[in-house]
Amino acid sequence: MSSNDPVQMLIDAGAIPATPFSESSRYRGVELATLARADGSLLAYVRRRFIPPRREIALAAGHLVQGGERPDRLANQQYGDPLLYWRIADGNAVIDPNELTDEVGALIAIPVPPAGA
């Protein structure tokens, strides 16, 4: 961005964060990009997030699904942050996190907690 861009100047000064995503977001660290529209305006978007292959995700434990469990509550129980449900979904290669707890008695993988959790 141009050095005359007031938003970039605030980012550079540390007044606002460089990323719009929190530490627990699945999009933290994913590159932002822009697309030039036909009218010359720019559309900002988040590039695609690639999930590592399951074999590359370190696992901490297995968990037997109990009745009434939800992915966010399981993440809160395991990591202390309900917004980290996506880590469990990634570790089990599911797109819809609700699939994790659909089947009572299913064994799901719990990935190693993120640093600081």
PDB file of N, CA and C in Angstrom:
ATOM      1  N   MET A   1       0.837  -1.182   0.000  1.00  0.00           N
ATOM      2  CA  MET A   1       0.000   0.000   0.000  1.00  0.00           C
ATOM      3  C   MET A   1       0.880   1.243   0.000  1.00  0.00           C
ATOM      4  N   SER A   2       0.325   2.304  -0.399  1.00  0.00           N
ATOM      5  CA  SER A   2       1.039   3.566  -0.464  1.00  0.00           C
ATOM      6  C   SER A   2       1.315   4.108   0.935  1.00  0.00           C
ATOM      7  N   SER A   3       2.432   4.813   1.067  1.00  0.00           N
ATOM      8  CA  SER A   3       2.757   5.401   2.366  1.00  0.00           C
ATOM      9  C   SER A   3       1.801   6.533   2.716  1.00  0.00           C
ATOM     10  N   ASN A   4       0.988   6.972   1.756  1.00  0.00           N
ATOM     11  CA  ASN A   4      -0.019   8.002   2.016  1.00  0.00           C
ATOM     12  C   ASN A   4      -1.335   7.417   2.493  1.00  0.00           C
ATOM     13  N   ASP A   5      -1.411   6.107   2.558  1.00  0.00           N
ATOM     14  CA  ASP A   5      -2.628   5.437   2.993  1.00  0.00           C
ATOM     15  C   ASP A   5      -2.743   5.581   4.512  1.00  0.00           C
ATOM     16  N   PRO A   6      -3.786   6.261   5.004  1.00  0.00           N
ATOM     17  CA  PRO A   6      -3.892   6.481   6.453  1.00  0.00           C
ATOM     18  C   PRO A   6      -4.038   5.194   7.260  1.00  0.00           C
ATOM     19  N   VAL A   7      -4.700   4.178   6.707  1.00  0.00           N
ATOM     20  CA  VAL A   7      -4.845   2.909   7.426  1.00  0.00           C
ATOM     21  C   VAL A   7      -3.486   2.235   7.564  1.00  0.00           C
ATOM     22  N   GLN A   8      -2.715   2.205   6.458  1.00  0.00           N
ATOM     23  CA  GLN A   8      -1.391   1.594   6.514  1.00  0.00           C
ATOM     24  C   GLN A   8      -0.485   2.351   7.476  1.00  0.00           C
ATOM     25  N   MET A   9      -0.628   3.651   7.533  1.00  0.00           N
ATOM     26  CA  MET A   9       0.177   4.454   8.464  1.00  0.00           C
ATOM     27  C   MET A   9      -0.159   4.078   9.906  1.00  0.00           C
ATOM     28  N   LEU A  10      -1.435   3.829  10.203  1.00  0.00           N
ATOM     29  CA  LEU A  10      -1.835   3.415  11.555  1.00  0.00           C
ATOM     30  C   LEU A  10      -1.310   2.021  11.872  1.00  0.00           C
ATOM     31  N   ILE A  11      -1.338   1.127  10.892  1.00  0.00           N
ATOM     32  CA  ILE A  11      -0.791  -0.218  11.085  1.00  0.00           C
ATOM     33  C   ILE A  11       0.701  -0.126  11.366  1.00  0.00           C
ATOM     34  N   ASP A  12       1.407   0.643  10.529  1.00  0.00           N
ATOM     35  CA  ASP A  12       2.853   0.806  10.689  1.00  0.00           C
ATOM     36  C   ASP A  12       3.214   1.408  12.038  1.00  0.00           C
ATOM     37  N   ALA A  13       2.352   2.264  12.568  1.00  0.00           N
ATOM     38  CA  ALA A  13       2.597   2.908  13.862  1.00  0.00           C
ATOM     39  C   ALA A  13       2.210   2.005  15.031  1.00  0.00           C
ATOM     40  N   GLY A  14       1.571   0.868  14.729  1.00  0.00           N
ATOM     41  CA  GLY A  14       1.156  -0.046  15.788  1.00  0.00           C
ATOM     42  C   GLY A  14      -0.143   0.357  16.465  1.00  0.00           C
ATOM     43  N   ALA A  15      -0.851   1.325  15.885  1.00  0.00           N
ATOM     44  CA  ALA A  15      -2.097   1.805  16.480  1.00  0.00           C
ATOM     45  C   ALA A  15      -3.259   0.847  16.241  1.00  0.00           C
ATOM     46  N   ILE A  16      -3.206   0.108  15.137  1.00  0.00           N
ATOM     47  CA  ILE A  16      -4.219  -0.908  14.859  1.00  0.00           C
ATOM     48  C   ILE A  16      -3.491  -2.171  14.407  1.00  0.00           C
ATOM     49  N   PRO A  17      -4.109  -3.323  14.603  1.00  0.00           N
ATOM     50  CA  PRO A  17      -3.425  -4.575  14.229  1.00  0.00           C
ATOM     51  C   PRO A  17      -3.278  -4.715  12.716  1.00  0.00           C
ATOM     52  N   ALA A  18      -2.235  -5.413  12.312  1.00  0.00           N
ATOM     53  CA  ALA A  18      -1.983  -5.636  10.888  1.00  0.00           C
ATOM     54  C   ALA A  18      -2.921  -6.685  10.310  1.00  0.00           C
ATOM     55  N   THR A  19      -3.505  -7.496  11.146  1.00  0.00           N
ATOM     56  CA  THR A  19      -4.434  -8.519  10.684  1.00  0.00           C
ATOM     57  C   THR A  19      -5.785  -8.327  11.379  1.00  0.00           C
ATOM     58  N   PRO A  20      -6.854  -8.549  10.657  1.00  0.00           N
ATOM     59  CA  PRO A  20      -8.168  -8.402  11.277  1.00  0.00           C
ATOM     60  C   PRO A  20      -8.586  -9.617  12.098  1.00  0.00           C
ATOM     61  N   PHE A  21      -7.719 -10.635  12.165  1.00  0.00           N
ATOM     62  CA  PHE A  21      -8.092 -11.879  12.807  1.00  0.00           C
ATOM     63  C   PHE A  21      -7.436 -12.041  14.171  1.00  0.00           C
ATOM     64  N   SER A  22      -8.199 -12.540  15.126  1.00  0.00           N
ATOM     65  CA  SER A  22      -7.687 -12.766  16.480  1.00  0.00           C
ATOM     66  C   SER A  22      -6.708 -13.931  16.497  1.00  0.00           C
ATOM     67  N   GLU A  23      -6.018 -14.094  17.604  1.00  0.00           N
ATOM     68  CA  GLU A  23      -5.047 -15.183  17.758  1.00  0.00           C
ATOM     69  C   GLU A  23      -5.695 -16.554  17.587  1.00  0.00           C
ATOM     70  N   SER A  24      -6.954 -16.695  17.952  1.00  0.00           N
ATOM     71  CA  SER A  24      -7.609 -17.998  17.876  1.00  0.00           C
ATOM     72  C   SER A  24      -8.314 -18.252  16.544  1.00  0.00           C
ATOM     73  N   SER A  25      -8.260 -17.292  15.632  1.00  0.00           N
ATOM     74  CA  SER A  25      -8.944 -17.455  14.346  1.00  0.00           C
ATOM     75  C   SER A  25      -8.238 -18.443  13.437  1.00  0.00           C
ATOM     76  N   ARG A  26      -9.015 -19.221  12.717  1.00  0.00           N
ATOM     77  CA  ARG A  26      -8.447 -20.150  11.741  1.00  0.00           C
ATOM     78  C   ARG A  26      -7.799 -19.399  10.581  1.00  0.00           C
ATOM     79  N   TYR A  27      -8.110 -18.125  10.433  1.00  0.00           N
ATOM     80  CA  TYR A  27      -7.558 -17.335   9.334  1.00  0.00           C
ATOM     81  C   TYR A  27      -6.347 -16.496   9.749  1.00  0.00           C
ATOM     82  N   ARG A  28      -5.946 -16.595  11.005  1.00  0.00           N
ATOM     83  CA  ARG A  28      -4.759 -15.876  11.471  1.00  0.00           C
ATOM     84  C   ARG A  28      -3.556 -16.348  10.659  1.00  0.00           C
ATOM     85  N   GLY A  29      -2.841 -15.440  10.066  1.00  0.00           N
ATOM     86  CA  GLY A  29      -1.666 -15.783   9.287  1.00  0.00           C
ATOM     87  C   GLY A  29      -1.946 -16.065   7.818  1.00  0.00           C
ATOM     88  N   VAL A  30      -3.224 -16.142   7.441  1.00  0.00           N
ATOM     89  CA  VAL A  30      -3.560 -16.340   6.037  1.00  0.00           C
ATOM     90  C   VAL A  30      -3.449 -14.986   5.335  1.00  0.00           C
ATOM     91  N   GLU A  31      -2.841 -15.006   4.183  1.00  0.00           N
ATOM     92  CA  GLU A  31      -2.574 -13.774   3.443  1.00  0.00           C
ATOM     93  C   GLU A  31      -3.864 -13.097   2.987  1.00  0.00           C
ATOM     94  N   LEU A  32      -3.858 -11.774   3.057  1.00  0.00           N
ATOM     95  CA  LEU A  32      -4.944 -10.966   2.513  1.00  0.00           C
ATOM     96  C   LEU A  32      -4.525 -10.531   1.118  1.00  0.00           C
ATOM     97  N   ALA A  33      -5.488 -10.382   0.226  1.00  0.00           N
ATOM     98  CA  ALA A  33      -5.193  -9.963  -1.133  1.00  0.00           C
ATOM     99  C   ALA A  33      -6.268  -8.999  -1.604  1.00  0.00           C
ATOM    100  N   THR A  34      -6.028  -8.379  -2.727  1.00  0.00           N
ATOM    101  CA  THR A  34      -7.019  -7.480  -3.313  1.00  0.00           C
ATOM    102  C   THR A  34      -7.241  -7.854  -4.769  1.00  0.00           C
ATOM    103  N   LEU A  35      -8.427  -7.571  -5.225  1.00  0.00           N
ATOM    104  CA  LEU A  35      -8.819  -7.815  -6.600  1.00  0.00           C
ATOM    105  C   LEU A  35      -9.301  -6.488  -7.177  1.00  0.00           C
ATOM    106  N   ALA A  36      -8.743  -6.093  -8.311  1.00  0.00           N
ATOM    107  CA  ALA A  36      -9.175  -4.853  -8.954  1.00  0.00           C
ATOM    108  C   ALA A  36     -10.467  -5.125  -9.720  1.00  0.00           C
ATOM    109  N   ARG A  37     -11.474  -4.346  -9.410  1.00  0.00           N
ATOM    110  CA  ARG A  37     -12.759  -4.469 -10.110  1.00  0.00           C
ATOM    111  C   ARG A  37     -12.707  -3.694 -11.417  1.00  0.00           C
ATOM    112  N   ALA A  38     -13.691  -3.911 -12.263  1.00  0.00           N
ATOM    113  CA  ALA A  38     -13.754  -3.232 -13.560  1.00  0.00           C
ATOM    114  C   ALA A  38     -13.819  -1.719 -13.403  1.00  0.00           C
ATOM    115  N   ASP A  39     -14.439  -1.253 -12.309  1.00  0.00           N
ATOM    116  CA  ASP A  39     -14.562   0.193 -12.097  1.00  0.00           C
ATOM    117  C   ASP A  39     -13.314   0.797 -11.443  1.00  0.00           C
ATOM    118  N   GLY A  40     -12.292  -0.039 -11.216  1.00  0.00           N
ATOM    119  CA  GLY A  40     -11.044   0.458 -10.637  1.00  0.00           C
ATOM    120  C   GLY A  40     -10.975   0.343  -9.125  1.00  0.00           C
ATOM    121  N   SER A  41     -12.095   0.056  -8.494  1.00  0.00           N
ATOM    122  CA  SER A  41     -12.067  -0.094  -7.030  1.00  0.00           C
ATOM    123  C   SER A  41     -11.440  -1.442  -6.667  1.00  0.00           C
ATOM    124  N   LEU A  42     -10.960  -1.531  -5.445  1.00  0.00           N
ATOM    125  CA  LEU A  42     -10.314  -2.756  -4.987  1.00  0.00           C
ATOM    126  C   LEU A  42     -11.223  -3.504  -4.025  1.00  0.00           C
ATOM    127  N   LEU A  43     -11.246  -4.808  -4.159  1.00  0.00           N
ATOM    128  CA  LEU A  43     -12.001  -5.676  -3.269  1.00  0.00           C
ATOM    129  C   LEU A  43     -10.994  -6.499  -2.475  1.00  0.00           C
ATOM    130  N   ALA A  44     -10.992  -6.345  -1.167  1.00  0.00           N
ATOM    131  CA  ALA A  44     -10.083  -7.114  -0.320  1.00  0.00           C
ATOM    132  C   ALA A  44     -10.721  -8.457   0.010  1.00  0.00           C
ATOM    133  N   TYR A  45      -9.882  -9.507   0.052  1.00  0.00           N
ATOM    134  CA  TYR A  45     -10.377 -10.832   0.404  1.00  0.00           C
ATOM    135  C   TYR A  45      -9.276 -11.628   1.091  1.00  0.00           C
ATOM    136  N   VAL A  46      -9.680 -12.704   1.739  1.00  0.00           N
ATOM    137  CA  VAL A  46      -8.749 -13.594   2.411  1.00  0.00           C
ATOM    138  C   VAL A  46      -8.440 -14.738   1.453  1.00  0.00           C
ATOM    139  N   ARG A  47      -7.155 -14.994   1.257  1.00  0.00           N
ATOM    140  CA  ARG A  47      -6.771 -16.100   0.379  1.00  0.00           C
ATOM    141  C   ARG A  47      -7.213 -17.421   0.996  1.00  0.00           C
ATOM    142  N   ARG A  48      -7.197 -18.453   0.209  1.00  0.00           N
ATOM    143  CA  ARG A  48      -7.624 -19.778   0.653  1.00  0.00           C
ATOM    144  C   ARG A  48      -6.719 -20.303   1.767  1.00  0.00           C
ATOM    145  N   ARG A  49      -7.345 -20.904   2.753  1.00  0.00           N
ATOM    146  CA  ARG A  49      -6.604 -21.529   3.861  1.00  0.00           C
ATOM    147  C   ARG A  49      -6.497 -23.013   3.565  1.00  0.00           C
ATOM    148  N   PHE A  50      -5.266 -23.497   3.503  1.00  0.00           N
ATOM    149  CA  PHE A  50      -5.049 -24.912   3.252  1.00  0.00           C
ATOM    150  C   PHE A  50      -4.876 -25.634   4.581  1.00  0.00           C
ATOM    151  N   ILE A  51      -5.592 -26.733   4.737  1.00  0.00           N
ATOM    152  CA  ILE A  51      -5.506 -27.543   5.951  1.00  0.00           C
ATOM    153  C   ILE A  51      -4.381 -28.556   5.756  1.00  0.00           C
ATOM    154  N   PRO A  52      -3.482 -28.652   6.742  1.00  0.00           N
ATOM    155  CA  PRO A  52      -2.406 -29.631   6.594  1.00  0.00           C
ATOM    156  C   PRO A  52      -2.975 -31.050   6.550  1.00  0.00           C
ATOM    157  N   PRO A  53      -2.266 -31.967   5.894  1.00  0.00           N
ATOM    158  CA  PRO A  53      -2.712 -33.365   5.905  1.00  0.00           C
ATOM    159  C   PRO A  53      -2.764 -33.877   7.347  1.00  0.00           C
ATOM    160  N   ARG A  54      -3.702 -34.772   7.618  1.00  0.00           N
ATOM    161  CA  ARG A  54      -3.881 -35.289   8.984  1.00  0.00           C
ATOM    162  C   ARG A  54      -2.589 -35.832   9.568  1.00  0.00           C
ATOM    163  N   ARG A  55      -1.762 -36.460   8.753  1.00  0.00           N
ATOM    164  CA  ARG A  55      -0.518 -37.046   9.252  1.00  0.00           C
ATOM    165  C   ARG A  55       0.456 -35.981   9.762  1.00  0.00           C
ATOM    166  N   GLU A  56       0.243 -34.723   9.376  1.00  0.00           N
ATOM    167  CA  GLU A  56       1.116 -33.640   9.817  1.00  0.00           C
ATOM    168  C   GLU A  56       0.575 -32.901  11.042  1.00  0.00           C
ATOM    169  N   ILE A  57      -0.593 -33.294  11.524  1.00  0.00           N
ATOM    170  CA  ILE A  57      -1.193 -32.653  12.694  1.00  0.00           C
ATOM    171  C   ILE A  57      -0.891 -33.513  13.917  1.00  0.00           C
ATOM    172  N   ALA A  58      -0.124 -32.952  14.846  1.00  0.00           N
ATOM    173  CA  ALA A  58       0.236 -33.691  16.066  1.00  0.00           C
ATOM    174  C   ALA A  58      -1.001 -33.868  16.938  1.00  0.00           C
ATOM    175  N   LEU A  59      -1.190 -35.083  17.435  1.00  0.00           N
ATOM    176  CA  LEU A  59      -2.364 -35.387  18.246  1.00  0.00           C
ATOM    177  C   LEU A  59      -1.990 -35.519  19.714  1.00  0.00           C
ATOM    178  N   ALA A  60      -2.865 -35.032  20.570  1.00  0.00           N
ATOM    179  CA  ALA A  60      -2.655 -35.102  22.016  1.00  0.00           C
ATOM    180  C   ALA A  60      -3.404 -36.278  22.619  1.00  0.00           C
ATOM    181  N   ALA A  61      -4.595 -36.555  22.087  1.00  0.00           N
ATOM    182  CA  ALA A  61      -5.440 -37.590  22.689  1.00  0.00           C
ATOM    183  C   ALA A  61      -6.585 -37.943  21.747  1.00  0.00           C
ATOM    184  N   GLY A  62      -7.316 -38.969  22.162  1.00  0.00           N
ATOM    185  CA  GLY A  62      -8.558 -39.319  21.508  1.00  0.00           C
ATOM    186  C   GLY A  62      -9.692 -38.958  22.458  1.00  0.00           C
ATOM    187  N   HIS A  63     -10.870 -38.768  21.937  1.00  0.00           N
ATOM    188  CA  HIS A  63     -12.016 -38.404  22.768  1.00  0.00           C
ATOM    189  C   HIS A  63     -13.239 -39.165  22.282  1.00  0.00           C
ATOM    190  N   LEU A  64     -13.944 -39.823  23.204  1.00  0.00           N
ATOM    191  CA  LEU A  64     -15.202 -40.488  22.868  1.00  0.00           C
ATOM    192  C   LEU A  64     -16.335 -39.478  23.006  1.00  0.00           C
ATOM    193  N   VAL A  65     -17.067 -39.288  21.948  1.00  0.00           N
ATOM    194  CA  VAL A  65     -18.148 -38.308  21.933  1.00  0.00           C
ATOM    195  C   VAL A  65     -19.265 -38.751  22.872  1.00  0.00           C
ATOM    196  N   GLN A  66     -19.692 -37.833  23.717  1.00  0.00           N
ATOM    197  CA  GLN A  66     -20.804 -38.053  24.652  1.00  0.00           C
ATOM    198  C   GLN A  66     -22.041 -37.339  24.119  1.00  0.00           C
ATOM    199  N   GLY A  67     -23.198 -37.772  24.532  1.00  0.00           N
ATOM    200  CA  GLY A  67     -24.444 -37.140  24.122  1.00  0.00           C
ATOM    201  C   GLY A  67     -24.491 -35.677  24.531  1.00  0.00           C
ATOM    202  N   GLY A  68     -24.935 -34.826  23.640  1.00  0.00           N
ATOM    203  CA  GLY A  68     -25.100 -33.411  23.934  1.00  0.00           C
ATOM    204  C   GLY A  68     -23.845 -32.567  23.751  1.00  0.00           C
ATOM    205  N   GLU A  69     -22.740 -33.181  23.376  1.00  0.00           N
ATOM    206  CA  GLU A  69     -21.511 -32.396  23.177  1.00  0.00           C
ATOM    207  C   GLU A  69     -21.608 -31.568  21.904  1.00  0.00           C
ATOM    208  N   ARG A  70     -20.883 -30.450  21.928  1.00  0.00           N
ATOM    209  CA  ARG A  70     -20.785 -29.573  20.763  1.00  0.00           C
ATOM    210  C   ARG A  70     -19.310 -29.281  20.517  1.00  0.00           C
ATOM    211  N   PRO A  71     -18.935 -29.007  19.274  1.00  0.00           N
ATOM    212  CA  PRO A  71     -17.531 -28.739  18.969  1.00  0.00           C
ATOM    213  C   PRO A  71     -16.942 -27.566  19.751  1.00  0.00           C
ATOM    214  N   ASP A  72     -17.713 -26.496  19.910  1.00  0.00           N
ATOM    215  CA  ASP A  72     -17.192 -25.342  20.636  1.00  0.00           C
ATOM    216  C   ASP A  72     -16.980 -25.645  22.116  1.00  0.00           C
ATOM    217  N   ARG A  73     -17.871 -26.411  22.702  1.00  0.00           N
ATOM    218  CA  ARG A  73     -17.723 -26.761  24.118  1.00  0.00           C
ATOM    219  C   ARG A  73     -16.556 -27.731  24.317  1.00  0.00           C
ATOM    220  N   LEU A  74     -16.369 -28.624  23.360  1.00  0.00           N
ATOM    221  CA  LEU A  74     -15.250 -29.551  23.420  1.00  0.00           C
ATOM    222  C   LEU A  74     -13.921 -28.788  23.308  1.00  0.00           C
ATOM    223  N   ALA A  75     -13.866 -27.810  22.415  1.00  0.00           N
ATOM    224  CA  ALA A  75     -12.660 -26.982  22.277  1.00  0.00           C
ATOM    225  C   ALA A  75     -12.397 -26.193  23.553  1.00  0.00           C
ATOM    226  N   ASN A  76     -13.450 -25.689  24.164  1.00  0.00           N
ATOM    227  CA  ASN A  76     -13.276 -24.956  25.424  1.00  0.00           C
ATOM    228  C   ASN A  76     -12.746 -25.887  26.511  1.00  0.00           C
ATOM    229  N   GLN A  77     -13.257 -27.099  26.549  1.00  0.00           N
ATOM    230  CA  GLN A  77     -12.823 -28.093  27.534  1.00  0.00           C
ATOM    231  C   GLN A  77     -11.354 -28.483  27.294  1.00  0.00           C
ATOM    232  N   GLN A  78     -10.968 -28.643  26.051  1.00  0.00           N
ATOM    233  CA  GLN A  78      -9.618 -29.105  25.718  1.00  0.00           C
ATOM    234  C   GLN A  78      -8.580 -27.986  25.696  1.00  0.00           C
ATOM    235  N   TYR A  79      -8.975 -26.815  25.195  1.00  0.00           N
ATOM    236  CA  TYR A  79      -8.025 -25.730  24.971  1.00  0.00           C
ATOM    237  C   TYR A  79      -8.298 -24.461  25.781  1.00  0.00           C
ATOM    238  N   GLY A  80      -9.459 -24.414  26.426  1.00  0.00           N
ATOM    239  CA  GLY A  80      -9.805 -23.203  27.170  1.00  0.00           C
ATOM    240  C   GLY A  80     -10.306 -22.082  26.284  1.00  0.00           C
ATOM    241  N   ASP A  81     -10.662 -22.392  25.033  1.00  0.00           N
ATOM    242  CA  ASP A  81     -11.144 -21.371  24.100  1.00  0.00           C
ATOM    243  C   ASP A  81     -12.119 -22.036  23.125  1.00  0.00           C
ATOM    244  N   PRO A  82     -13.399 -21.689  23.197  1.00  0.00           N
ATOM    245  CA  PRO A  82     -14.378 -22.327  22.310  1.00  0.00           C
ATOM    246  C   PRO A  82     -14.156 -22.003  20.836  1.00  0.00           C
ATOM    247  N   LEU A  83     -13.467 -20.903  20.543  1.00  0.00           N
ATOM    248  CA  LEU A  83     -13.231 -20.522  19.157  1.00  0.00           C
ATOM    249  C   LEU A  83     -12.183 -21.390  18.467  1.00  0.00           C
ATOM    250  N   LEU A  84     -11.533 -22.263  19.229  1.00  0.00           N
ATOM    251  CA  LEU A  84     -10.530 -23.156  18.640  1.00  0.00           C
ATOM    252  C   LEU A  84     -11.122 -24.489  18.175  1.00  0.00           C
ATOM    253  N   TYR A  85     -12.455 -24.567  18.066  1.00  0.00           N
ATOM    254  CA  TYR A  85     -13.116 -25.788  17.586  1.00  0.00           C
ATOM    255  C   TYR A  85     -12.561 -26.213  16.231  1.00  0.00           C
ATOM    256  N   TRP A  86     -12.146 -25.271  15.416  1.00  0.00           N
ATOM    257  CA  TRP A  86     -11.648 -25.561  14.075  1.00  0.00           C
ATOM    258  C   TRP A  86     -10.383 -26.415  14.115  1.00  0.00           C
ATOM    259  N   ARG A  87      -9.591 -26.325  15.197  1.00  0.00           N
ATOM    260  CA  ARG A  87      -8.385 -27.160  15.297  1.00  0.00           C
ATOM    261  C   ARG A  87      -8.781 -28.637  15.390  1.00  0.00           C
ATOM    262  N   ILE A  88      -9.847 -28.899  16.131  1.00  0.00           N
ATOM    263  CA  ILE A  88     -10.317 -30.280  16.255  1.00  0.00           C
ATOM    264  C   ILE A  88     -10.903 -30.742  14.918  1.00  0.00           C
ATOM    265  N   ALA A  89     -11.636 -29.855  14.247  1.00  0.00           N
ATOM    266  CA  ALA A  89     -12.187 -30.203  12.928  1.00  0.00           C
ATOM    267  C   ALA A  89     -11.063 -30.504  11.938  1.00  0.00           C
ATOM    268  N   ASP A  90     -10.013 -29.682  11.939  1.00  0.00           N
ATOM    269  CA  ASP A  90      -8.881 -29.923  11.040  1.00  0.00           C
ATOM    270  C   ASP A  90      -8.220 -31.262  11.344  1.00  0.00           C
ATOM    271  N   GLY A  91      -8.059 -31.568  12.623  1.00  0.00           N
ATOM    272  CA  GLY A  91      -7.406 -32.808  13.029  1.00  0.00           C
ATOM    273  C   GLY A  91      -8.199 -34.053  12.676  1.00  0.00           C
ATOM    274  N   ASN A  92      -9.475 -33.874  12.362  1.00  0.00           N
ATOM    275  CA  ASN A  92     -10.330 -34.997  12.002  1.00  0.00           C
ATOM    276  C   ASN A  92     -10.794 -34.925  10.547  1.00  0.00           C
ATOM    277  N   ALA A  93     -10.239 -33.972   9.814  1.00  0.00           N
ATOM    278  CA  ALA A  93     -10.531 -33.809   8.379  1.00  0.00           C
ATOM    279  C   ALA A  93     -12.023 -33.683   8.083  1.00  0.00           C
ATOM    280  N   VAL A  94     -12.713 -32.885   8.900  1.00  0.00           N
ATOM    281  CA  VAL A  94     -14.128 -32.617   8.616  1.00  0.00           C
ATOM    282  C   VAL A  94     -14.292 -31.153   8.228  1.00  0.00           C
ATOM    283  N   ILE A  95     -15.192 -30.903   7.319  1.00  0.00           N
ATOM    284  CA  ILE A  95     -15.454 -29.533   6.883  1.00  0.00           C
ATOM    285  C   ILE A  95     -16.483 -28.889   7.803  1.00  0.00           C
ATOM    286  N   ASP A  96     -17.521 -29.636   8.118  1.00  0.00           N
ATOM    287  CA  ASP A  96     -18.567 -29.145   9.018  1.00  0.00           C
ATOM    288  C   ASP A  96     -18.215 -29.592  10.441  1.00  0.00           C
ATOM    289  N   PRO A  97     -17.824 -28.663  11.323  1.00  0.00           N
ATOM    290  CA  PRO A  97     -17.425 -29.039  12.676  1.00  0.00           C
ATOM    291  C   PRO A  97     -18.498 -29.807  13.445  1.00  0.00           C
ATOM    292  N   ASN A  98     -19.767 -29.616  13.091  1.00  0.00           N
ATOM    293  CA  ASN A  98     -20.832 -30.325  13.798  1.00  0.00           C
ATOM    294  C   ASN A  98     -20.764 -31.833  13.576  1.00  0.00           C
ATOM    295  N   GLU A  99     -20.107 -32.258  12.497  1.00  0.00           N
ATOM    296  CA  GLU A  99     -19.929 -33.692  12.250  1.00  0.00           C
ATOM    297  C   GLU A  99     -19.120 -34.352  13.370  1.00  0.00           C
ATOM    298  N   LEU A 100     -18.290 -33.563  14.043  1.00  0.00           N
ATOM    299  CA  LEU A 100     -17.446 -34.111  15.109  1.00  0.00           C
ATOM    300  C   LEU A 100     -18.266 -34.766  16.212  1.00  0.00           C
ATOM    301  N   THR A 101     -19.382 -34.163  16.549  1.00  0.00           N
ATOM    302  CA  THR A 101     -20.157 -34.624  17.699  1.00  0.00           C
ATOM    303  C   THR A 101     -21.510 -35.203  17.305  1.00  0.00           C
ATOM    304  N   ASP A 102     -21.716 -35.471  16.030  1.00  0.00           N
ATOM    305  CA  ASP A 102     -22.994 -36.034  15.571  1.00  0.00           C
ATOM    306  C   ASP A 102     -23.236 -37.449  16.080  1.00  0.00           C
ATOM    307  N   GLU A 103     -22.185 -38.242  16.178  1.00  0.00           N
ATOM    308  CA  GLU A 103     -22.339 -39.653  16.518  1.00  0.00           C
ATOM    309  C   GLU A 103     -21.815 -39.942  17.921  1.00  0.00           C
ATOM    310  N   VAL A 104     -22.731 -40.200  18.846  1.00  0.00           N
ATOM    311  CA  VAL A 104     -22.347 -40.555  20.216  1.00  0.00           C
ATOM    312  C   VAL A 104     -21.519 -41.833  20.173  1.00  0.00           C
ATOM    313  N   GLY A 105     -20.407 -41.812  20.904  1.00  0.00           N
ATOM    314  CA  GLY A 105     -19.526 -42.969  20.957  1.00  0.00           C
ATOM    315  C   GLY A 105     -18.414 -42.957  19.927  1.00  0.00           C
ATOM    316  N   ALA A 106     -18.458 -41.999  18.998  1.00  0.00           N
ATOM    317  CA  ALA A 106     -17.399 -41.911  17.984  1.00  0.00           C
ATOM    318  C   ALA A 106     -16.101 -41.460  18.653  1.00  0.00           C
ATOM    319  N   LEU A 107     -14.992 -41.951  18.158  1.00  0.00           N
ATOM    320  CA  LEU A 107     -13.685 -41.556  18.652  1.00  0.00           C
ATOM    321  C   LEU A 107     -13.144 -40.476  17.734  1.00  0.00           C
ATOM    322  N   ILE A 108     -12.893 -39.306  18.297  1.00  0.00           N
ATOM    323  CA  ILE A 108     -12.327 -38.214  17.508  1.00  0.00           C
ATOM    324  C   ILE A 108     -10.954 -37.856  18.050  1.00  0.00           C
ATOM    325  N   ALA A 109     -10.114 -37.373  17.164  1.00  0.00           N
ATOM    326  CA  ALA A 109      -8.751 -36.984  17.524  1.00  0.00           C
ATOM    327  C   ALA A 109      -8.732 -35.563  18.079  1.00  0.00           C
ATOM    328  N   ILE A 110      -7.957 -35.367  19.132  1.00  0.00           N
ATOM    329  CA  ILE A 110      -7.770 -34.038  19.707  1.00  0.00           C
ATOM    330  C   ILE A 110      -6.334 -33.616  19.413  1.00  0.00           C
ATOM    331  N   PRO A 111      -6.143 -32.622  18.540  1.00  0.00           N
ATOM    332  CA  PRO A 111      -4.799 -32.161  18.238  1.00  0.00           C
ATOM    333  C   PRO A 111      -4.122 -31.524  19.452  1.00  0.00           C
ATOM    334  N   VAL A 112      -2.802 -31.481  19.391  1.00  0.00           N
ATOM    335  CA  VAL A 112      -2.016 -30.832  20.440  1.00  0.00           C
ATOM    336  C   VAL A 112      -2.494 -29.387  20.571  1.00  0.00           C
ATOM    337  N   PRO A 113      -2.626 -28.891  21.804  1.00  0.00           N
ATOM    338  CA  PRO A 113      -3.063 -27.503  21.994  1.00  0.00           C
ATOM    339  C   PRO A 113      -2.095 -26.519  21.350  1.00  0.00           C
ATOM    340  N   PRO A 114      -2.622 -25.400  20.901  1.00  0.00           N
ATOM    341  CA  PRO A 114      -1.744 -24.379  20.331  1.00  0.00           C
ATOM    342  C   PRO A 114      -0.873 -23.781  21.436  1.00  0.00           C
ATOM    343  N   ALA A 115       0.238 -23.212  21.053  1.00  0.00           N
ATOM    344  CA  ALA A 115       1.110 -22.571  22.026  1.00  0.00           C
ATOM    345  C   ALA A 115       0.320 -21.498  22.784  1.00  0.00           C
ATOM    346  N   GLY A 116       0.452 -21.498  24.065  1.00  0.00           N
ATOM    347  CA  GLY A 116      -0.232 -20.527  24.900  1.00  0.00           C
ATOM    348  C   GLY A 116      -1.613 -20.934  25.373  1.00  0.00           C
ATOM    349  N   ALA A 117      -2.107 -22.056  24.901  1.00  0.00           N
ATOM    350  CA  ALA A 117      -3.452 -22.496  25.318  1.00  0.00           C
ATOM    351  C   ALA A 117      -3.367 -23.357  26.569  1.00  0.00           C
TER     352      ALA A 117
END
